[in-house]
């Protein structure tokens, strides 16, 4: 049963042996650079976080300020990033 699941996952993900993973890395001399896949993933993560921060600031200034008395508008995205970081630190497991 587990072999059937493994075969299905291998076919879906198209896993390759460890030797082929070395082919994705480019080497110049003794330096080893990050593969293009990793750079693409990091770029996507950066873009998603940037969108979250911009939309968060927009929602804060346009909805939360009006709905909750005593809340001041944010003047920059870095203020929202700081609030997000504190909330993640305090309220995550």
Protein backbone atom coordinates (compact mmCIF):
# COMPACT_ATOMS: atom_id res chain seq x y z
CA UNK A 1 0.00 0.00 0.00
CA UNK A 2 2.76 2.47 0.91
CA UNK A 3 4.65 1.59 -2.27
CA UNK A 4 1.55 2.54 -4.27
CA UNK A 5 1.37 5.92 -2.50
CA UNK A 6 5.10 6.48 -3.04
CA UNK A 7 4.78 5.73 -6.76
CA UNK A 8 1.86 8.13 -7.03
CA UNK A 9 3.78 10.90 -5.28
CA UNK A 10 6.86 10.27 -7.40
CA UNK A 11 4.79 10.52 -10.56
CA UNK A 12 3.01 13.66 -9.35
CA UNK A 13 6.08 15.51 -8.11
CA UNK A 14 8.44 14.01 -10.69
CA UNK A 15 11.16 13.36 -8.13
CA UNK A 16 14.64 12.77 -9.46
CA UNK A 17 17.61 11.00 -7.89
CA UNK A 18 20.13 12.99 -5.83
CA UNK A 19 22.63 13.01 -8.68
CA UNK A 20 20.35 15.15 -10.82
CA UNK A 21 19.96 17.73 -8.04
CA UNK A 22 23.67 18.46 -8.37
CA UNK A 23 23.14 19.31 -12.04
CA UNK A 24 20.89 22.25 -11.09
CA UNK A 25 23.65 23.97 -9.16
CA UNK A 26 26.06 26.08 -11.11
CA UNK A 27 29.66 26.17 -10.02
CA UNK A 28 32.37 28.66 -10.85
CA UNK A 29 35.68 27.68 -9.33
CA UNK A 30 35.12 26.71 -5.71
CA UNK A 31 32.02 28.91 -5.27
CA UNK A 32 28.56 27.37 -5.40
CA UNK A 33 25.59 29.54 -6.33
CA UNK A 34 21.94 29.08 -5.39
CA UNK A 35 19.88 27.31 -8.02
CA UNK A 36 17.33 29.19 -10.08
CA UNK A 37 14.47 27.34 -8.40
CA UNK A 38 15.48 28.61 -4.97
CA UNK A 39 15.87 32.15 -6.25
CA UNK A 40 12.42 31.98 -7.86
CA UNK A 41 10.84 30.75 -4.61
CA UNK A 42 12.54 33.53 -2.63
CA UNK A 43 11.32 36.11 -5.14
CA UNK A 44 7.75 34.81 -4.90
CA UNK A 45 7.89 34.91 -1.08
CA UNK A 46 9.19 38.49 -1.19
CA UNK A 47 6.44 39.61 -3.57
CA UNK A 48 3.72 37.94 -1.46
CA UNK A 49 5.01 39.56 1.73
CA UNK A 50 5.19 42.93 0.01
CA UNK A 51 1.57 42.58 -1.13
CA UNK A 52 0.49 41.58 2.39
CA UNK A 53 2.21 44.61 3.88
CA UNK A 54 0.82 47.09 1.34
CA UNK A 55 -2.72 45.67 1.60
CA UNK A 56 -2.42 45.56 5.39
CA UNK A 57 -1.49 49.24 5.55
CA UNK A 58 -4.34 50.09 3.18
CA UNK A 59 -6.91 48.14 5.24
CA UNK A 60 -5.55 49.60 8.48
CA UNK A 61 -5.83 53.19 7.26
CA UNK A 62 -9.16 52.85 5.46
CA UNK A 63 -11.14 50.45 7.65
CA UNK A 64 -9.62 49.96 11.10
CA UNK A 65 -9.09 53.67 11.79
CA UNK A 66 -12.77 54.34 11.04
CA UNK A 67 -14.09 51.29 12.92
CA UNK A 68 -12.06 51.44 16.16
CA UNK A 69 -11.79 54.69 18.10
CA UNK A 70 -8.29 55.54 19.28
CA UNK A 71 -6.47 53.84 16.38
CA UNK A 72 -4.20 56.23 14.49
CA UNK A 73 -3.43 55.91 10.75
CA UNK A 74 -0.09 54.45 9.70
CA UNK A 75 2.32 56.74 7.91
CA UNK A 76 4.55 54.07 6.37
CA UNK A 77 4.63 50.38 5.55
CA UNK A 78 7.45 49.87 8.06
CA UNK A 79 5.02 50.67 10.87
CA UNK A 80 2.73 47.92 9.63
CA UNK A 81 5.69 45.52 9.32
CA UNK A 82 6.62 46.24 12.96
CA UNK A 83 3.03 45.67 14.14
CA UNK A 84 2.84 42.47 12.08
CA UNK A 85 6.15 41.23 13.55
CA UNK A 86 5.03 41.90 17.13
CA UNK A 87 1.67 40.21 16.51
CA UNK A 88 3.38 37.16 14.98
CA UNK A 89 5.77 36.96 17.90
CA UNK A 90 3.06 37.26 20.55
CA UNK A 91 0.25 35.22 19.06
CA UNK A 92 1.82 32.28 17.24
CA UNK A 93 2.52 28.88 18.74
